[in-house]
């Protein structure tokens, strides 16, 4: 039995809150257990550094496990000496609209002043409702929402799962349909990692592992990795299991804006690799993908 389970998280408001939730859930499942949330130090906005520090915490034995948002991981699959021991149940995968005057999407004016930390959301939104003026709000999510209320923007579009984690989902005016805005691959799913040989950690987390969340997150992230789209190309994906069918809905688009190409495929949930391979082949035949790839070839 692990005397104290040390949970490494990134040092931001959402990760710290999710880490606290995980610690409480584990303590409730075993009153004898002791948990310690260990934020890693990182430079502001340096996402790659934060991810590397999570892996370093495992290798140097300063943490027993690492908790990460599946949509923000730059490396997928994770390093071979790391394994995912639990996929936490998926939270709302949609994007949320917050507006300081409580205006819904259908009632937005012709040129709203909006802000988002997601280029994926911005380009899809512009395709659904052209004309928005995009404003940059710096800082973490609570800071950006504070700036929204100060009038620095009219509205903000952010992942609903982040609002749920912070306990402020009721501030959202509307959760935008995935028919309009597909989420980032893995959005809404948090993953707990440990060293591959830490069977004790896997045993401690076994009760929190959600099979469907794992299938969907791995399918989405594997699709994005196999597509290997260039940096100029943004990728959205959402997978779900229903009536013994796994459906993968995905889109690609130029990061600077333009046409959003969207395709989907369905099959048996026991064969996600076949679905991923099939959808990757379909996208590579599309003009949007060739356009993005052509930019790389031209340098």
C-alpha atoms as a PDB file:
ATOM      1  CA  UNK A   1       0.000   0.000   0.000  1.00  0.00           C
ATOM      2  CA  UNK A   2       1.251   3.485  -0.845  1.00  0.00           C
ATOM      3  CA  UNK A   3       1.601   5.523   2.334  1.00  0.00           C
ATOM      4  CA  UNK A   4       1.123   8.886   0.569  1.00  0.00           C
ATOM      5  CA  UNK A   5       0.221   9.117  -3.117  1.00  0.00           C
ATOM      6  CA  UNK A   6       1.937  12.155  -4.663  1.00  0.00           C
ATOM      7  CA  UNK A   7       0.003  13.603  -7.609  1.00  0.00           C
ATOM      8  CA  UNK A   8       1.956  15.856  -9.952  1.00  0.00           C
ATOM      9  CA  UNK A   9      -0.048  18.543 -11.790  1.00  0.00           C
ATOM     10  CA  UNK A  10       0.672  21.650 -13.818  1.00  0.00           C
ATOM     11  CA  UNK A  11       0.736  24.877 -11.861  1.00  0.00           C
ATOM     12  CA  UNK A  12      -2.427  26.530 -13.154  1.00  0.00           C
ATOM     13  CA  UNK A  13      -5.882  27.069 -11.703  1.00  0.00           C
ATOM     14  CA  UNK A  14      -7.671  24.337 -13.657  1.00  0.00           C
ATOM     15  CA  UNK A  15      -5.014  21.648 -13.085  1.00  0.00           C
ATOM     16  CA  UNK A  16      -4.721  22.435  -9.381  1.00  0.00           C
ATOM     17  CA  UNK A  17      -8.493  22.196  -8.927  1.00  0.00           C
ATOM     18  CA  UNK A  18      -8.668  18.922 -10.864  1.00  0.00           C
ATOM     19  CA  UNK A  19      -5.781  17.548  -8.793  1.00  0.00           C
ATOM     20  CA  UNK A  20      -7.637  18.435  -5.596  1.00  0.00           C
ATOM     21  CA  UNK A  21     -10.726  16.649  -6.929  1.00  0.00           C
ATOM     22  CA  UNK A  22      -8.695  13.513  -7.684  1.00  0.00           C
ATOM     23  CA  UNK A  23      -7.144  13.554  -4.215  1.00  0.00           C
ATOM     24  CA  UNK A  24     -10.583  13.794  -2.575  1.00  0.00           C
ATOM     25  CA  UNK A  25     -11.992  11.007  -4.756  1.00  0.00           C
ATOM     26  CA  UNK A  26      -9.154   8.672  -3.805  1.00  0.00           C
ATOM     27  CA  UNK A  27      -9.422   9.519  -0.108  1.00  0.00           C
ATOM     28  CA  UNK A  28     -13.166   8.867  -0.186  1.00  0.00           C
ATOM     29  CA  UNK A  29     -12.615   5.469  -1.806  1.00  0.00           C
ATOM     30  CA  UNK A  30     -10.046   4.528   0.850  1.00  0.00           C
ATOM     31  CA  UNK A  31     -10.167   6.519   4.124  1.00  0.00           C
ATOM     32  CA  UNK A  32      -6.706   5.172   5.040  1.00  0.00           C
ATOM     33  CA  UNK A  33      -5.152   6.737   1.949  1.00  0.00           C
ATOM     34  CA  UNK A  34      -3.198   9.988   2.067  1.00  0.00           C
ATOM     35  CA  UNK A  35      -2.816  12.247  -0.949  1.00  0.00           C
ATOM     36  CA  UNK A  36      -0.470  15.099  -1.803  1.00  0.00           C
ATOM     37  CA  UNK A  37      -0.969  17.356  -4.837  1.00  0.00           C
ATOM     38  CA  UNK A  38       2.416  18.509  -6.147  1.00  0.00           C
ATOM     39  CA  UNK A  39       2.326  21.376  -8.677  1.00  0.00           C
ATOM     40  CA  UNK A  40       5.303  21.562 -11.013  1.00  0.00           C
ATOM     41  CA  UNK A  41       7.049  24.890 -11.498  1.00  0.00           C
ATOM     42  CA  UNK A  42       6.931  26.203 -15.052  1.00  0.00           C
ATOM     43  CA  UNK A  43       7.295  29.378 -17.019  1.00  0.00           C
ATOM     44  CA  UNK A  44       4.009  31.106 -17.791  1.00  0.00           C
ATOM     45  CA  UNK A  45       2.482  29.950 -21.102  1.00  0.00           C
ATOM     46  CA  UNK A  46       5.285  27.362 -21.627  1.00  0.00           C
ATOM     47  CA  UNK A  47       3.066  24.331 -22.195  1.00  0.00           C
ATOM     48  CA  UNK A  48       5.867  22.077 -23.443  1.00  0.00           C
ATOM     49  CA  UNK A  49       7.966  22.762 -20.347  1.00  0.00           C
ATOM     50  CA  UNK A  50       5.028  21.924 -18.087  1.00  0.00           C
ATOM     51  CA  UNK A  51       4.483  18.578 -19.792  1.00  0.00           C
ATOM     52  CA  UNK A  52       8.178  17.664 -19.602  1.00  0.00           C
ATOM     53  CA  UNK A  53       8.201  18.521 -15.911  1.00  0.00           C
ATOM     54  CA  UNK A  54       5.330  16.101 -15.319  1.00  0.00           C
ATOM     55  CA  UNK A  55       7.363  13.280 -16.853  1.00  0.00           C
ATOM     56  CA  UNK A  56      10.481  14.405 -14.957  1.00  0.00           C
ATOM     57  CA  UNK A  57       8.572  14.255 -11.671  1.00  0.00           C
ATOM     58  CA  UNK A  58       7.817  10.574 -12.364  1.00  0.00           C
ATOM     59  CA  UNK A  59      11.378   9.692 -13.391  1.00  0.00           C
ATOM     60  CA  UNK A  60      12.968  11.418 -10.400  1.00  0.00           C
ATOM     61  CA  UNK A  61      10.462   9.910  -7.946  1.00  0.00           C
ATOM     62  CA  UNK A  62       9.181  13.287  -6.780  1.00  0.00           C
ATOM     63  CA  UNK A  63       5.683  12.120  -7.740  1.00  0.00           C
ATOM     64  CA  UNK A  64       3.941   8.754  -7.959  1.00  0.00           C
ATOM     65  CA  UNK A  65       1.558   9.782 -10.716  1.00  0.00           C
ATOM     66  CA  UNK A  66       0.918  12.716 -13.036  1.00  0.00           C
ATOM     67  CA  UNK A  67      -2.496  14.159 -13.884  1.00  0.00           C
ATOM     68  CA  UNK A  68      -2.934  15.870 -17.260  1.00  0.00           C
ATOM     69  CA  UNK A  69      -5.663  17.200 -19.523  1.00  0.00           C
ATOM     70  CA  UNK A  70      -5.682  14.844 -22.521  1.00  0.00           C
ATOM     71  CA  UNK A  71      -6.320  17.748 -24.908  1.00  0.00           C
ATOM     72  CA  UNK A  72      -3.228  19.730 -23.883  1.00  0.00           C
ATOM     73  CA  UNK A  73      -0.620  16.974 -24.124  1.00  0.00           C
ATOM     74  CA  UNK A  74       1.844  17.724 -26.912  1.00  0.00           C
ATOM     75  CA  UNK A  75       3.184  14.160 -26.889  1.00  0.00           C
ATOM     76  CA  UNK A  76       0.909  11.294 -27.911  1.00  0.00           C
ATOM     77  CA  UNK A  77       1.398   8.481 -27.294  1.00  0.00           C
ATOM     78  CA  UNK A  78       3.275   9.340 -24.089  1.00  0.00           C
ATOM     79  CA  UNK A  79       6.891   8.210 -23.606  1.00  0.00           C
ATOM     80  CA  UNK A  80       7.255   4.389 -23.608  1.00  0.00           C
ATOM     81  CA  UNK A  81       8.299   4.267 -19.956  1.00  0.00           C
ATOM     82  CA  UNK A  82       5.016   5.937 -18.957  1.00  0.00           C
ATOM     83  CA  UNK A  83       1.564   4.397 -19.022  1.00  0.00           C
ATOM     84  CA  UNK A  84      -1.947   5.748 -18.573  1.00  0.00           C
ATOM     85  CA  UNK A  85      -3.335   4.050 -15.465  1.00  0.00           C
ATOM     86  CA  UNK A  86      -6.719   5.843 -15.439  1.00  0.00           C
ATOM     87  CA  UNK A  87      -8.860   7.880 -17.786  1.00  0.00           C
ATOM     88  CA  UNK A  88     -11.261   9.911 -15.665  1.00  0.00           C
ATOM     89  CA  UNK A  89     -14.903  10.092 -16.752  1.00  0.00           C
ATOM     90  CA  UNK A  90     -15.366  12.608 -19.517  1.00  0.00           C
ATOM     91  CA  UNK A  91     -16.773  16.001 -18.624  1.00  0.00           C
ATOM     92  CA  UNK A  92     -18.724  18.117 -21.091  1.00  0.00           C
ATOM     93  CA  UNK A  93     -16.538  18.143 -24.263  1.00  0.00           C
ATOM     94  CA  UNK A  94     -18.202  21.217 -25.783  1.00  0.00           C
ATOM     95  CA  UNK A  95     -17.035  24.813 -25.878  1.00  0.00           C
ATOM     96  CA  UNK A  96     -18.900  27.276 -23.677  1.00  0.00           C
ATOM     97  CA  UNK A  97     -19.895  30.839 -24.478  1.00  0.00           C
ATOM     98  CA  UNK A  98     -19.713  33.373 -21.656  1.00  0.00           C
ATOM     99  CA  UNK A  99     -21.050  36.860 -22.311  1.00  0.00           C
ATOM    100  CA  UNK A 100     -21.000  39.837 -19.955  1.00  0.00           C
ATOM    101  CA  UNK A 101     -24.473  40.882 -21.138  1.00  0.00           C
ATOM    102  CA  UNK A 102     -25.877  37.317 -21.164  1.00  0.00           C
ATOM    103  CA  UNK A 103     -26.305  37.271 -24.959  1.00  0.00           C
ATOM    104  CA  UNK A 104     -26.727  33.838 -26.563  1.00  0.00           C
ATOM    105  CA  UNK A 105     -25.015  32.813 -29.807  1.00  0.00           C
ATOM    106  CA  UNK A 106     -28.146  33.325 -31.931  1.00  0.00           C
ATOM    107  CA  UNK A 107     -28.535  36.878 -30.603  1.00  0.00           C
ATOM    108  CA  UNK A 108     -24.939  38.043 -30.977  1.00  0.00           C
ATOM    109  CA  UNK A 109     -24.516  41.261 -32.981  1.00  0.00           C
ATOM    110  CA  UNK A 110     -22.883  41.331 -36.398  1.00  0.00           C
ATOM    111  CA  UNK A 111     -19.386  42.106 -35.045  1.00  0.00           C
ATOM    112  CA  UNK A 112     -19.057  40.882 -31.440  1.00  0.00           C
ATOM    113  CA  UNK A 113     -15.792  41.420 -29.549  1.00  0.00           C
ATOM    114  CA  UNK A 114     -14.808  37.916 -28.496  1.00  0.00           C
ATOM    115  CA  UNK A 115     -11.812  36.165 -27.007  1.00  0.00           C
ATOM    116  CA  UNK A 116     -10.701  32.539 -26.842  1.00  0.00           C
ATOM    117  CA  UNK A 117      -7.568  30.627 -25.929  1.00  0.00           C
ATOM    118  CA  UNK A 118      -8.398  28.105 -28.692  1.00  0.00           C
ATOM    119  CA  UNK A 119      -7.499  28.746 -32.310  1.00  0.00           C
ATOM    120  CA  UNK A 120      -9.644  25.728 -33.143  1.00  0.00           C
ATOM    121  CA  UNK A 121     -12.735  27.387 -31.629  1.00  0.00           C
ATOM    122  CA  UNK A 122     -11.954  30.714 -33.317  1.00  0.00           C
ATOM    123  CA  UNK A 123     -11.720  29.360 -36.861  1.00  0.00           C
ATOM    124  CA  UNK A 124     -14.830  27.178 -36.510  1.00  0.00           C
ATOM    125  CA  UNK A 125     -16.761  30.078 -34.969  1.00  0.00           C
ATOM    126  CA  UNK A 126     -15.775  32.356 -37.853  1.00  0.00           C
ATOM    127  CA  UNK A 127     -17.146  29.775 -40.281  1.00  0.00           C
ATOM    128  CA  UNK A 128     -20.430  29.592 -38.383  1.00  0.00           C
ATOM    129  CA  UNK A 129     -20.748  33.355 -37.786  1.00  0.00           C
ATOM    130  CA  UNK A 130     -18.279  35.535 -39.714  1.00  0.00           C
ATOM    131  CA  UNK A 131     -17.449  39.041 -38.593  1.00  0.00           C
ATOM    132  CA  UNK A 132     -16.289  38.648 -34.999  1.00  0.00           C
ATOM    133  CA  UNK A 133     -13.504  40.876 -33.706  1.00  0.00           C
ATOM    134  CA  UNK A 134     -11.067  38.691 -31.772  1.00  0.00           C
ATOM    135  CA  UNK A 135      -9.443  40.221 -28.697  1.00  0.00           C
ATOM    136  CA  UNK A 136      -6.478  38.684 -26.875  1.00  0.00           C
ATOM    137  CA  UNK A 137      -6.927  38.363 -23.103  1.00  0.00           C
ATOM    138  CA  UNK A 138      -3.752  37.259 -21.339  1.00  0.00           C
ATOM    139  CA  UNK A 139      -3.532  35.191 -18.168  1.00  0.00           C
ATOM    140  CA  UNK A 140      -5.091  31.963 -16.923  1.00  0.00           C
ATOM    141  CA  UNK A 141      -8.809  31.275 -17.224  1.00  0.00           C
ATOM    142  CA  UNK A 142      -9.911  33.066 -14.011  1.00  0.00           C
ATOM    143  CA  UNK A 143      -7.858  36.114 -15.055  1.00  0.00           C
ATOM    144  CA  UNK A 144      -9.363  36.149 -18.551  1.00  0.00           C
ATOM    145  CA  UNK A 145     -12.878  35.888 -17.138  1.00  0.00           C
ATOM    146  CA  UNK A 146     -12.139  38.784 -14.786  1.00  0.00           C
ATOM    147  CA  UNK A 147     -11.026  40.861 -17.785  1.00  0.00           C
ATOM    148  CA  UNK A 148     -14.253  39.897 -19.544  1.00  0.00           C
ATOM    149  CA  UNK A 149     -16.287  41.344 -16.686  1.00  0.00           C
ATOM    150  CA  UNK A 150     -14.138  44.489 -16.813  1.00  0.00           C
ATOM    151  CA  UNK A 151     -15.282  44.998 -20.385  1.00  0.00           C
ATOM    152  CA  UNK A 152     -12.097  44.034 -22.235  1.00  0.00           C
ATOM    153  CA  UNK A 153     -14.276  41.823 -24.455  1.00  0.00           C
ATOM    154  CA  UNK A 154     -17.976  41.130 -24.924  1.00  0.00           C
ATOM    155  CA  UNK A 155     -17.716  37.367 -24.731  1.00  0.00           C
ATOM    156  CA  UNK A 156     -15.332  34.487 -24.166  1.00  0.00           C
ATOM    157  CA  UNK A 157     -15.344  30.973 -25.650  1.00  0.00           C
ATOM    158  CA  UNK A 158     -13.557  28.325 -23.568  1.00  0.00           C
ATOM    159  CA  UNK A 159     -13.811  24.552 -22.940  1.00  0.00           C
ATOM    160  CA  UNK A 160     -16.857  23.739 -20.830  1.00  0.00           C
ATOM    161  CA  UNK A 161     -14.797  21.168 -18.909  1.00  0.00           C
ATOM    162  CA  UNK A 162     -12.515  23.914 -17.582  1.00  0.00           C
ATOM    163  CA  UNK A 163     -15.517  25.831 -16.251  1.00  0.00           C
ATOM    164  CA  UNK A 164     -16.881  22.651 -14.655  1.00  0.00           C
ATOM    165  CA  UNK A 165     -13.526  21.982 -13.028  1.00  0.00           C
ATOM    166  CA  UNK A 166     -13.438  25.493 -11.552  1.00  0.00           C
ATOM    167  CA  UNK A 167     -17.051  25.197 -10.385  1.00  0.00           C
ATOM    168  CA  UNK A 168     -18.292  28.112 -12.516  1.00  0.00           C
ATOM    169  CA  UNK A 169     -20.162  26.304 -15.295  1.00  0.00           C
ATOM    170  CA  UNK A 170     -23.297  28.233 -14.359  1.00  0.00           C
ATOM    171  CA  UNK A 171     -21.573  31.375 -15.685  1.00  0.00           C
ATOM    172  CA  UNK A 172     -21.815  29.989 -19.213  1.00  0.00           C
ATOM    173  CA  UNK A 173     -24.623  31.501 -21.254  1.00  0.00           C
ATOM    174  CA  UNK A 174     -24.590  28.554 -23.639  1.00  0.00           C
ATOM    175  CA  UNK A 175     -22.753  25.325 -24.360  1.00  0.00           C
ATOM    176  CA  UNK A 176     -22.136  25.469 -28.102  1.00  0.00           C
ATOM    177  CA  UNK A 177     -23.163  22.406 -30.082  1.00  0.00           C
ATOM    178  CA  UNK A 178     -20.459  20.082 -31.385  1.00  0.00           C
ATOM    179  CA  UNK A 179     -22.305  20.301 -34.696  1.00  0.00           C
ATOM    180  CA  UNK A 180     -20.868  23.824 -34.897  1.00  0.00           C
ATOM    181  CA  UNK A 181     -17.630  23.606 -32.888  1.00  0.00           C
ATOM    182  CA  UNK A 182     -15.799  20.306 -32.590  1.00  0.00           C
ATOM    183  CA  UNK A 183     -13.552  20.101 -29.514  1.00  0.00           C
ATOM    184  CA  UNK A 184      -9.829  19.516 -29.437  1.00  0.00           C
ATOM    185  CA  UNK A 185      -8.846  15.818 -29.387  1.00  0.00           C
ATOM    186  CA  UNK A 186      -9.151  14.604 -25.794  1.00  0.00           C
ATOM    187  CA  UNK A 187     -11.055  17.684 -24.562  1.00  0.00           C
ATOM    188  CA  UNK A 188     -12.950  16.947 -21.356  1.00  0.00           C
ATOM    189  CA  UNK A 189     -10.874  13.885 -20.418  1.00  0.00           C
ATOM    190  CA  UNK A 190      -8.167  13.912 -17.750  1.00  0.00           C
ATOM    191  CA  UNK A 191      -5.582  11.132 -17.625  1.00  0.00           C
ATOM    192  CA  UNK A 192      -3.482   9.807 -14.758  1.00  0.00           C
ATOM    193  CA  UNK A 193      -0.028   8.530 -15.741  1.00  0.00           C
ATOM    194  CA  UNK A 194       2.588   6.583 -13.822  1.00  0.00           C
ATOM    195  CA  UNK A 195       5.845   4.806 -14.583  1.00  0.00           C
ATOM    196  CA  UNK A 196       5.160   1.592 -16.486  1.00  0.00           C
ATOM    197  CA  UNK A 197       6.325  -0.631 -13.619  1.00  0.00           C
ATOM    198  CA  UNK A 198       4.252   1.056 -10.891  1.00  0.00           C
ATOM    199  CA  UNK A 199       1.577  -1.610 -10.457  1.00  0.00           C
ATOM    200  CA  UNK A 200       0.789  -0.201  -7.003  1.00  0.00           C
ATOM    201  CA  UNK A 201      -0.288   3.125  -8.556  1.00  0.00           C
ATOM    202  CA  UNK A 202      -2.386   1.337 -11.178  1.00  0.00           C
ATOM    203  CA  UNK A 203      -4.109  -0.610  -8.405  1.00  0.00           C
ATOM    204  CA  UNK A 204      -4.842   2.567  -6.433  1.00  0.00           C
ATOM    205  CA  UNK A 205      -6.408   4.280  -9.484  1.00  0.00           C
ATOM    206  CA  UNK A 206      -8.264   1.281 -10.908  1.00  0.00           C
ATOM    207  CA  UNK A 207     -11.625   2.275  -9.434  1.00  0.00           C
ATOM    208  CA  UNK A 208     -11.578   5.669 -11.207  1.00  0.00           C
ATOM    209  CA  UNK A 209     -10.737   4.393 -14.687  1.00  0.00           C
ATOM    210  CA  UNK A 210     -13.571   5.022 -17.171  1.00  0.00           C
ATOM    211  CA  UNK A 211     -13.415   2.588 -20.095  1.00  0.00           C
ATOM    212  CA  UNK A 212     -15.483   4.654 -22.535  1.00  0.00           C
ATOM    213  CA  UNK A 213     -13.547   7.816 -21.774  1.00  0.00           C
ATOM    214  CA  UNK A 214     -10.332   5.908 -22.433  1.00  0.00           C
ATOM    215  CA  UNK A 215     -11.524   4.520 -25.752  1.00  0.00           C
ATOM    216  CA  UNK A 216     -12.701   7.921 -26.947  1.00  0.00           C
ATOM    217  CA  UNK A 217      -9.694   9.952 -25.774  1.00  0.00           C
ATOM    218  CA  UNK A 218      -7.199   7.458 -27.199  1.00  0.00           C
ATOM    219  CA  UNK A 219      -9.096   7.323 -30.511  1.00  0.00           C
ATOM    220  CA  UNK A 220      -9.137  11.125 -30.832  1.00  0.00           C
ATOM    221  CA  UNK A 221      -5.512  11.606 -29.852  1.00  0.00           C
ATOM    222  CA  UNK A 222      -4.319   8.713 -32.026  1.00  0.00           C
ATOM    223  CA  UNK A 223      -6.199  10.163 -34.997  1.00  0.00           C
ATOM    224  CA  UNK A 224      -4.511  13.552 -34.559  1.00  0.00           C
ATOM    225  CA  UNK A 225      -1.093  11.898 -34.190  1.00  0.00           C
ATOM    226  CA  UNK A 226      -1.527   9.631 -37.230  1.00  0.00           C
ATOM    227  CA  UNK A 227      -2.872  12.458 -39.398  1.00  0.00           C
ATOM    228  CA  UNK A 228       0.378  14.301 -38.657  1.00  0.00           C
ATOM    229  CA  UNK A 229      -1.053  17.594 -39.848  1.00  0.00           C
ATOM    230  CA  UNK A 230       1.431  20.472 -40.189  1.00  0.00           C
ATOM    231  CA  UNK A 231       1.497  23.299 -37.667  1.00  0.00           C
ATOM    232  CA  UNK A 232      -0.550  25.491 -40.037  1.00  0.00           C
ATOM    233  CA  UNK A 233      -3.423  23.004 -39.767  1.00  0.00           C
ATOM    234  CA  UNK A 234      -5.764  22.808 -36.750  1.00  0.00           C
ATOM    235  CA  UNK A 235      -7.446  19.510 -35.881  1.00  0.00           C
ATOM    236  CA  UNK A 236     -10.679  18.914 -33.990  1.00  0.00           C
ATOM    237  CA  UNK A 237     -12.070  15.508 -33.040  1.00  0.00           C
ATOM    238  CA  UNK A 238     -14.789  13.927 -30.976  1.00  0.00           C
ATOM    239  CA  UNK A 239     -15.383  10.201 -30.518  1.00  0.00           C
ATOM    240  CA  UNK A 240     -18.293   8.574 -28.735  1.00  0.00           C
ATOM    241  CA  UNK A 241     -19.592   5.062 -28.104  1.00  0.00           C
ATOM    242  CA  UNK A 242     -23.300   4.400 -28.514  1.00  0.00           C
ATOM    243  CA  UNK A 243     -25.214   1.142 -29.041  1.00  0.00           C
ATOM    244  CA  UNK A 244     -21.971  -0.775 -29.547  1.00  0.00           C
ATOM    245  CA  UNK A 245     -20.756   1.625 -32.245  1.00  0.00           C
ATOM    246  CA  UNK A 246     -17.739   3.899 -32.043  1.00  0.00           C
ATOM    247  CA  UNK A 247     -18.093   7.114 -34.044  1.00  0.00           C
ATOM    248  CA  UNK A 248     -15.207   9.468 -34.757  1.00  0.00           C
ATOM    249  CA  UNK A 249     -16.117  12.943 -36.012  1.00  0.00           C
ATOM    250  CA  UNK A 250     -13.181  15.175 -36.979  1.00  0.00           C
ATOM    251  CA  UNK A 251     -12.298  18.370 -38.795  1.00  0.00           C
ATOM    252  CA  UNK A 252      -9.203  20.126 -40.136  1.00  0.00           C
ATOM    253  CA  UNK A 253      -8.684  23.762 -41.117  1.00  0.00           C
ATOM    254  CA  UNK A 254      -5.916  26.282 -41.794  1.00  0.00           C
ATOM    255  CA  UNK A 255      -4.852  28.017 -38.577  1.00  0.00           C
ATOM    256  CA  UNK A 256      -5.186  31.465 -40.165  1.00  0.00           C
ATOM    257  CA  UNK A 257      -8.823  30.730 -41.033  1.00  0.00           C
ATOM    258  CA  UNK A 258     -10.626  29.470 -44.075  1.00  0.00           C
ATOM    259  CA  UNK A 259     -12.486  26.340 -45.090  1.00  0.00           C
ATOM    260  CA  UNK A 260     -13.266  23.804 -42.359  1.00  0.00           C
ATOM    261  CA  UNK A 261     -13.231  20.251 -43.720  1.00  0.00           C
ATOM    262  CA  UNK A 262     -15.259  17.816 -41.603  1.00  0.00           C
ATOM    263  CA  UNK A 263     -15.646  14.033 -41.949  1.00  0.00           C
ATOM    264  CA  UNK A 264     -16.780  11.147 -39.751  1.00  0.00           C
ATOM    265  CA  UNK A 265     -16.554   7.362 -39.602  1.00  0.00           C
ATOM    266  CA  UNK A 266     -18.166   4.639 -37.469  1.00  0.00           C
ATOM    267  CA  UNK A 267     -17.296   1.069 -36.581  1.00  0.00           C
ATOM    268  CA  UNK A 268     -16.793  -1.430 -33.814  1.00  0.00           C
ATOM    269  CA  UNK A 269     -15.361   0.006 -30.573  1.00  0.00           C
ATOM    270  CA  UNK A 270     -13.070  -3.029 -30.380  1.00  0.00           C
ATOM    271  CA  UNK A 271     -11.300  -1.846 -33.544  1.00  0.00           C
ATOM    272  CA  UNK A 272     -10.477   1.860 -33.043  1.00  0.00           C
ATOM    273  CA  UNK A 273      -7.228   1.533 -34.999  1.00  0.00           C
ATOM    274  CA  UNK A 274      -9.161   0.641 -38.151  1.00  0.00           C
ATOM    275  CA  UNK A 275     -11.427   3.666 -37.731  1.00  0.00           C
ATOM    276  CA  UNK A 276      -8.460   5.951 -37.214  1.00  0.00           C
ATOM    277  CA  UNK A 277      -6.640   4.601 -40.272  1.00  0.00           C
ATOM    278  CA  UNK A 278      -9.763   4.924 -42.413  1.00  0.00           C
ATOM    279  CA  UNK A 279     -10.444   8.524 -41.391  1.00  0.00           C
ATOM    280  CA  UNK A 280      -6.799   9.526 -41.816  1.00  0.00           C
ATOM    281  CA  UNK A 281      -6.874   8.190 -45.383  1.00  0.00           C
ATOM    282  CA  UNK A 282     -10.104  10.101 -46.079  1.00  0.00           C
ATOM    283  CA  UNK A 283      -8.658  13.396 -44.824  1.00  0.00           C
ATOM    284  CA  UNK A 284      -5.410  13.042 -46.740  1.00  0.00           C
ATOM    285  CA  UNK A 285      -7.440  13.072 -49.954  1.00  0.00           C
ATOM    286  CA  UNK A 286      -9.053  16.407 -49.065  1.00  0.00           C
ATOM    287  CA  UNK A 287      -8.010  19.720 -50.585  1.00  0.00           C
ATOM    288  CA  UNK A 288      -7.710  21.437 -47.184  1.00  0.00           C
ATOM    289  CA  UNK A 289      -5.128  18.914 -45.989  1.00  0.00           C
ATOM    290  CA  UNK A 290      -3.195  19.158 -49.257  1.00  0.00           C
ATOM    291  CA  UNK A 291      -3.311  22.956 -48.980  1.00  0.00           C
ATOM    292  CA  UNK A 292      -1.750  22.852 -45.501  1.00  0.00           C
ATOM    293  CA  UNK A 293       0.803  20.263 -46.567  1.00  0.00           C
ATOM    294  CA  UNK A 294       1.704  22.355 -49.606  1.00  0.00           C
ATOM    295  CA  UNK A 295       2.627  25.278 -47.355  1.00  0.00           C
ATOM    296  CA  UNK A 296       5.130  23.050 -45.564  1.00  0.00           C
ATOM    297  CA  UNK A 297       6.623  21.849 -48.835  1.00  0.00           C
ATOM    298  CA  UNK A 298       7.021  25.452 -50.020  1.00  0.00           C
ATOM    299  CA  UNK A 299       8.721  26.327 -46.735  1.00  0.00           C
END
